[in-house]
Protein backbone atom coordinates (compact mmCIF):
# COMPACT_ATOMS: atom_id res chain seq x y z
CA ASN A 1 -0.26 -0.16 -0.16
CA LYS A 2 1.06 3.31 -0.29
CA PHE A 3 -1.42 5.32 2.31
CA THR A 4 0.20 8.57 3.44
CA GLY A 5 -0.93 11.34 5.78
CA ASP A 6 -1.41 11.19 9.96
CA ILE A 7 -2.85 7.96 11.81
CA SER A 8 -5.21 7.92 15.04
CA LEU A 9 -4.81 4.53 16.52
CA GLU A 10 -7.64 5.49 20.03
CA ASN A 11 -10.52 4.78 18.19
CA LEU A 12 -10.38 1.68 16.75
CA PRO A 13 -13.11 -1.34 16.84
CA LYS A 14 -12.65 -3.22 20.24
CA CYS A 15 -12.81 -6.39 18.49
CA LEU A 16 -9.76 -5.91 16.13
CA GLU A 17 -7.04 -8.32 16.60
CA TYR A 18 -4.79 -7.59 14.03
CA LEU A 19 -3.60 -4.48 12.72
CA SER A 20 -0.81 -3.78 9.75
CA LEU A 21 0.09 -0.81 7.87
CA PHE A 22 3.38 -1.70 7.42
CA GLU A 23 5.44 -0.04 4.64
CA ASN A 24 3.34 2.86 3.98
CA HIS A 25 3.90 6.97 3.96
CA LEU A 26 2.31 7.17 7.60
CA SER A 27 3.65 10.04 9.57
CA GLY A 28 3.07 12.10 12.72
CA THR A 29 2.54 10.24 15.98
CA ILE A 30 0.68 7.59 17.41
CA CYS A 31 -0.59 6.69 20.87
CA LEU A 32 -0.27 3.47 21.84
CA THR A 33 -2.11 3.69 25.37
CA SER A 34 -5.87 3.48 23.78
CA LEU A 35 -5.27 0.60 21.27
CA PRO A 36 -8.46 -1.83 21.43
CA PRO A 37 -8.24 -4.76 24.79
CA ALA A 38 -8.23 -7.50 21.79
CA LEU A 39 -5.47 -6.11 19.71
CA GLU A 40 -3.13 -8.75 19.41
CA TYR A 41 -0.65 -7.85 16.35
CA LEU A 42 0.48 -4.52 15.21
CA TYR A 43 2.69 -3.92 12.63
CA LEU A 44 3.67 -0.13 11.58
CA GLY A 45 7.32 -0.96 10.74
CA ARG A 46 8.47 1.36 7.36
CA ASN A 47 6.89 4.68 7.89
CA ASN A 48 7.59 8.24 8.82
CA LEU A 49 5.93 8.00 12.03
CA GLU A 50 7.60 9.98 14.82
CA GLY A 51 7.43 10.94 18.36
CA SER A 52 7.71 8.94 21.78
CA LEU A 53 6.41 5.66 22.79
CA ASP A 54 4.55 5.06 25.95
CA PHE A 55 4.12 0.74 26.64
CA THR A 56 2.66 1.35 30.19
CA ARG A 57 -0.94 0.64 29.13
CA LEU A 58 -0.70 -2.11 26.01
CA PRO A 59 -3.76 -4.77 25.54
CA LYS A 60 -3.33 -7.34 27.81
CA SER A 61 -3.46 -9.42 24.41
CA ILE A 62 -0.48 -8.32 22.26
CA CYS A 63 1.94 -10.85 21.61
CA GLU A 64 4.03 -8.88 18.45
CA MET A 65 4.65 -5.19 17.84
CA VAL A 66 6.74 -4.15 14.96
CA LEU A 67 7.68 -0.31 14.81
CA SER A 68 10.89 -0.36 13.23
CA GLU A 69 12.14 1.87 10.80
CA ASN A 70 10.18 4.81 11.38
CA ARG A 71 11.75 8.00 13.64
CA PHE A 72 10.00 7.18 17.05
CA SER A 73 12.67 9.32 19.69
CA GLY A 74 12.87 9.78 23.17
CA THR A 75 13.40 7.01 25.88
CA ILE A 76 10.97 4.37 26.02
CA GLU A 77 10.39 1.83 29.49
CA PHE A 78 10.35 -1.94 28.78
CA GLY A 79 9.31 -2.68 32.09
CA ASN A 80 5.67 -2.90 32.08
CA LEU A 81 4.97 -4.87 28.71
CA PRO A 82 2.48 -7.36 29.24
CA GLU A 83 2.85 -10.88 29.70
CA SER A 84 1.39 -11.74 26.49
CA MET A 85 4.38 -9.72 24.80
CA TRP A 86 6.71 -11.94 22.96
CA ASP A 87 8.00 -10.28 19.96
CA LEU A 88 8.81 -6.41 20.19
CA ASP A 89 10.98 -4.75 16.96
CA VAL A 90 11.54 -1.01 17.59
CA LYS A 91 14.68 -1.34 15.37
CA LYS A 92 16.45 1.52 13.68
CA ASN A 93 14.46 4.61 14.88
CA ALA A 94 16.30 7.31 17.52
CA ILE A 95 15.81 5.76 20.85
CA SER A 96 17.94 6.86 23.19
CA GLY A 97 18.54 6.48 26.46
CA THR A 98 19.38 2.77 28.88
CA ILE A 99 17.07 0.31 28.51
CA ARG A 100 16.39 -2.68 30.87
CA LEU A 101 15.75 -6.33 28.82
CA PRO A 102 13.01 -8.11 30.67
CA HIS A 103 13.32 -12.13 30.14
CA GLY A 104 11.08 -14.34 27.93
CA ILE A 105 10.82 -11.87 24.96
CA VAL A 106 12.73 -11.01 21.76
CA ILE A 107 13.30 -7.16 21.39
CA ARG A 108 14.86 -6.06 18.38
CA PHE A 109 16.39 -2.32 18.67
CA ASP A 110 19.89 -2.48 16.86
CA GLY A 111 20.13 0.54 15.04
CA ASN A 112 19.16 2.84 17.87
CA ASP A 113 23.04 4.37 18.02
CA GLU A 114 22.30 6.61 21.46
CA LEU A 115 20.81 3.81 23.11
CA THR A 116 22.58 1.99 26.34
CA VAL A 117 20.86 -1.63 26.64
CA GLU A 118 21.36 -3.87 30.19
CA ARG A 119 19.59 -7.51 30.67
CA ILE A 120 17.72 -7.73 33.69
CA GLU A 121 19.36 -10.72 35.41
């Protein structure tokens, strides 16, 4: 697809389980704190999205999120990820700071040059 413009994730159907807008020309910021409670898979990689990422109130059902190759920036906290989450891809953005990686989840973060990674023991 070649969708362009801003996108709002705040008024999606509550029963939505899968959303893929991968590899478009979407821009602007997104809010991850109002995603549908049934959402399991979210693919927004390879767009022009920007701003910070708030992972503190993700749906308990979310399993996989691909947010790679955008322009997200700032620091992020991985300590509150839902237990259902097994794959999170945030590579090739502008995320900075120090992150502590929880066990049991694959997080791809390469290509964020200002990021320091620590493993939680």
